Amino acid sequence: MILLNDLLIQEQVLTATFACDVQRCKGACCTLPGGAGAPLLEEEIKPLLLAVPSTLSYLNEKSLEWLAANDPVEGKRGDRSVGCIDDAACVFVFYEKNVAKCALERAFHNGESDFRKPLSCHLFPIRVANFGGPYLHYEQIEECEPGREMGARLGIPLVESLKDPLIRAYGERTYERIRAASRGEDEGDV
């Protein structure tokens, strides 16, 4: 583990290679069974709720019915998540050629919303835990094997693949330190 700017980082985050291969995984991270959807930061709740209307034109009937009957945000303060249908697919999933995609992100890229998607989705397969401060760890799920294979084949470091969300979460300066640490050029804070 390495400590950078009060950010504890698992060694695997710095050494792994990864490049999402959505054509092979079919967007599995958005449809995993297990009940809870993407974790939400408290400051993401209002922007997500404001973005819901911009997603409706992308969603199927089942998602629309679910949203009409349920709040898209579940859980209690400090432990919030996006709602899921049948304890699996995120309520904001839509399909394009059998690939699960995010209606929040589509609306964002089409200029219909200012909210891209939850940071936990954007950072995946990096997860953030809290042990008195943020702890970044690499969650290796079977469904992401195509991304690990592509990353290894192309030689793309995980932290480079996730540059945009890491900058969104921690800023450009911290990202540059994370990237330097992945190259062995920054040994962290003492």
Protein backbone atom coordinates (compact mmCIF):
# COMPACT_ATOMS: atom_id res chain seq x y z
CA MET A 1 0.00 0.00 0.00
CA ILE A 2 1.01 3.56 -0.60
CA LEU A 3 -0.22 6.82 0.92
CA LEU A 4 -0.60 9.82 -1.40
CA ASN A 5 -2.21 13.04 -0.18
CA ASP A 6 -4.24 11.22 2.53
CA LEU A 7 -5.30 8.65 -0.06
CA LEU A 8 -4.41 5.06 0.80
CA ILE A 9 -3.94 3.03 -2.38
CA GLN A 10 -3.71 -0.75 -2.76
CA GLU A 11 -0.61 -1.82 -4.68
CA GLN A 12 -2.75 -3.62 -7.31
CA VAL A 13 -4.40 -0.32 -8.28
CA LEU A 14 -0.94 0.90 -9.24
CA THR A 15 0.31 -2.26 -10.97
CA ALA A 16 -2.72 -3.74 -12.75
CA THR A 17 -3.48 -3.32 -16.44
CA PHE A 18 -7.05 -2.83 -17.59
CA ALA A 19 -9.03 -1.53 -20.57
CA CYS A 20 -12.79 -1.98 -20.49
CA ASP A 21 -13.96 -4.28 -23.29
CA VAL A 22 -17.68 -3.61 -23.21
CA GLN A 23 -18.29 -5.51 -26.44
CA ARG A 24 -17.20 -8.70 -24.68
CA CYS A 25 -18.46 -8.11 -21.13
CA LYS A 26 -21.75 -6.63 -22.38
CA GLY A 27 -21.78 -4.01 -19.60
CA ALA A 28 -22.02 -6.67 -16.90
CA CYS A 29 -20.97 -4.27 -14.12
CA CYS A 30 -24.32 -2.48 -14.56
CA THR A 31 -26.39 -5.66 -14.25
CA LEU A 32 -24.74 -7.71 -11.51
CA PRO A 33 -27.11 -9.52 -9.16
CA GLY A 34 -26.79 -8.74 -5.49
CA GLY A 35 -29.48 -6.27 -4.50
CA ALA A 36 -27.62 -3.02 -3.97
CA GLY A 37 -26.88 -0.76 -6.88
CA ALA A 38 -24.00 1.66 -7.35
CA PRO A 39 -22.94 3.36 -4.11
CA LEU A 40 -23.76 7.08 -4.02
CA LEU A 41 -22.07 9.97 -2.29
CA GLU A 42 -24.51 12.21 -0.44
CA GLU A 43 -23.55 15.13 -2.71
CA GLU A 44 -24.55 13.06 -5.77
CA ILE A 45 -28.16 12.52 -4.73
CA LYS A 46 -29.59 15.90 -5.75
CA PRO A 47 -27.79 15.99 -9.14
CA LEU A 48 -28.90 12.42 -9.85
CA LEU A 49 -32.51 13.21 -9.02
CA LEU A 50 -32.38 16.30 -11.25
CA ALA A 51 -30.99 14.12 -14.07
CA VAL A 52 -33.77 11.51 -13.96
CA PRO A 53 -36.08 13.29 -16.47
CA SER A 54 -33.24 13.41 -19.03
CA THR A 55 -32.88 9.61 -18.88
CA LEU A 56 -36.49 8.65 -19.50
CA SER A 57 -36.36 8.61 -23.29
CA TYR A 58 -33.58 5.98 -23.19
CA LEU A 59 -35.18 3.58 -20.72
CA ASN A 60 -37.37 0.56 -21.42
CA GLU A 61 -40.91 0.13 -20.10
CA LYS A 62 -39.80 -1.94 -17.10
CA SER A 63 -37.40 0.78 -15.93
CA LEU A 64 -40.00 3.49 -16.50
CA GLU A 65 -42.59 1.57 -14.47
CA TRP A 66 -40.05 0.96 -11.71
CA LEU A 67 -39.13 4.66 -11.56
CA ALA A 68 -42.80 5.66 -11.47
CA ALA A 69 -43.29 3.48 -8.38
CA ASN A 70 -39.91 3.87 -6.62
CA ASP A 71 -37.29 6.40 -5.61
CA PRO A 72 -34.11 5.86 -7.68
CA VAL A 73 -32.05 6.38 -4.51
CA GLU A 74 -32.17 3.67 -1.87
CA GLY A 75 -30.73 3.36 1.63
CA LYS A 76 -30.11 5.63 4.57
CA ARG A 77 -27.89 8.69 4.84
CA GLY A 78 -24.26 7.59 4.58
CA ASP A 79 -25.21 4.32 2.86
CA ARG A 80 -27.04 5.30 -0.31
CA SER A 81 -27.16 3.49 -3.63
CA VAL A 82 -28.93 3.58 -6.97
CA GLY A 83 -32.00 1.38 -7.18
CA CYS A 84 -31.95 -1.93 -9.03
CA ILE A 85 -34.65 -3.89 -10.81
CA ASP A 86 -35.11 -7.45 -9.54
CA ASP A 87 -31.98 -7.02 -7.39
CA ALA A 88 -29.77 -6.95 -10.48
CA ALA A 89 -29.82 -4.37 -13.31
CA CYS A 90 -29.45 -0.71 -12.40
CA VAL A 91 -32.67 1.17 -13.01
CA PHE A 92 -30.79 3.44 -15.45
CA VAL A 93 -29.62 0.61 -17.73
CA PHE A 94 -30.72 0.51 -21.34
CA TYR A 95 -29.53 -1.92 -24.01
CA GLU A 96 -27.88 -1.26 -27.31
CA LYS A 97 -27.05 -4.39 -29.35
CA ASN A 98 -27.26 -6.53 -26.18
CA VAL A 99 -24.80 -4.26 -24.33
CA ALA A 100 -25.97 -2.68 -21.07
CA LYS A 101 -25.38 1.06 -21.15
CA CYS A 102 -26.06 3.93 -18.76
CA ALA A 103 -28.93 6.32 -19.50
CA LEU A 104 -27.42 8.87 -17.10
CA GLU A 105 -24.18 8.90 -19.05
CA ARG A 106 -25.97 8.98 -22.43
CA ALA A 107 -28.00 12.01 -21.34
CA PHE A 108 -24.80 13.68 -20.08
CA HIS A 109 -22.94 13.09 -23.36
CA ASN A 110 -25.95 14.32 -25.33
CA GLY A 111 -25.94 17.60 -23.37
CA GLU A 112 -29.26 16.83 -21.66
CA SER A 113 -27.88 16.67 -18.11
CA ASP A 114 -24.96 17.94 -16.05
CA PHE A 115 -24.68 14.69 -14.06
CA ARG A 116 -22.49 12.08 -15.76
CA LYS A 117 -23.10 9.07 -13.50
CA PRO A 118 -22.24 8.07 -9.94
CA LEU A 119 -18.54 8.32 -9.21
CA SER A 120 -18.54 4.70 -8.02
CA CYS A 121 -19.61 3.63 -11.53
CA HIS A 122 -17.12 5.92 -13.22
CA LEU A 123 -14.22 4.59 -11.10
CA PHE A 124 -15.09 0.89 -11.44
CA PRO A 125 -13.23 -1.52 -11.12
CA ILE A 126 -11.53 0.71 -8.56
CA ARG A 127 -13.59 0.86 -5.40
CA VAL A 128 -13.30 3.38 -2.58
CA ALA A 129 -13.56 2.22 1.02
CA ASN A 130 -13.15 4.36 4.11
CA PHE A 131 -10.71 3.48 6.87
CA GLY A 132 -10.42 6.93 8.43
CA GLY A 133 -9.84 8.28 4.92
CA PRO A 134 -10.32 7.04 1.38
CA TYR A 135 -8.78 3.68 0.49
CA LEU A 136 -8.63 2.76 -3.21
CA HIS A 137 -8.69 -0.93 -3.99
CA TYR A 138 -9.03 -2.95 -7.17
CA GLU A 139 -12.13 -5.14 -7.31
CA GLN A 140 -11.51 -8.03 -9.67
CA ILE A 141 -14.78 -9.62 -10.71
CA GLU A 142 -15.04 -12.47 -13.17
CA GLU A 143 -17.18 -10.40 -15.54
CA CYS A 144 -14.28 -7.97 -16.07
CA GLU A 145 -11.87 -10.63 -17.34
CA PRO A 146 -12.17 -9.23 -20.91
CA GLY A 147 -10.99 -5.83 -19.59
CA ARG A 148 -8.03 -7.42 -17.83
CA GLU A 149 -7.12 -9.33 -21.00
CA MET A 150 -7.39 -6.23 -23.20
CA GLY A 151 -5.42 -4.11 -20.73
CA ALA A 152 -2.63 -6.69 -20.61
CA ARG A 153 -2.61 -7.11 -24.38
CA LEU A 154 -2.43 -3.35 -24.98
CA GLY A 155 -0.24 -2.60 -21.94
CA ILE A 156 -2.68 -0.02 -20.52
CA PRO A 157 -2.27 0.59 -16.78
CA LEU A 158 -5.51 0.57 -14.78
CA VAL A 159 -4.81 4.09 -13.50
CA GLU A 160 -4.34 5.35 -17.05
CA SER A 161 -7.55 3.65 -18.18
CA LEU A 162 -9.39 5.42 -15.35
CA LYS A 163 -7.72 8.82 -15.73
CA ASP A 164 -10.95 10.84 -16.14
CA PRO A 165 -12.76 9.44 -13.09
CA LEU A 166 -9.62 9.63 -10.94
CA ILE A 167 -9.24 13.30 -11.88
CA ARG A 168 -12.96 13.85 -11.25
CA ALA A 169 -12.58 12.31 -7.78
CA TYR A 170 -9.20 13.61 -6.62
CA GLY A 171 -8.04 16.34 -9.00
CA GLU A 172 -5.31 16.59 -11.62
CA ARG A 173 -2.43 16.96 -9.16
CA THR A 174 -3.30 13.86 -7.17
CA TYR A 175 -3.90 11.92 -10.38
CA GLU A 176 -0.40 12.85 -11.57
CA ARG A 177 1.00 11.51 -8.30
CA ILE A 178 -1.01 8.29 -8.67
CA ARG A 179 0.26 7.90 -12.23
CA ALA A 180 3.85 8.59 -11.11
CA ALA A 181 3.48 6.02 -8.31
CA SER A 182 2.27 3.45 -10.86
CA ARG A 183 5.55 4.04 -12.75
CA GLY A 184 7.59 3.77 -9.53
CA GLU A 185 8.42 7.49 -9.59
CA ASP A 186 6.56 8.49 -6.41
CA GLU A 187 6.99 6.44 -3.27
CA GLY A 188 4.20 8.20 -1.42
CA ASP A 189 4.03 10.26 1.73
CA VAL A 190 5.99 9.25 4.80
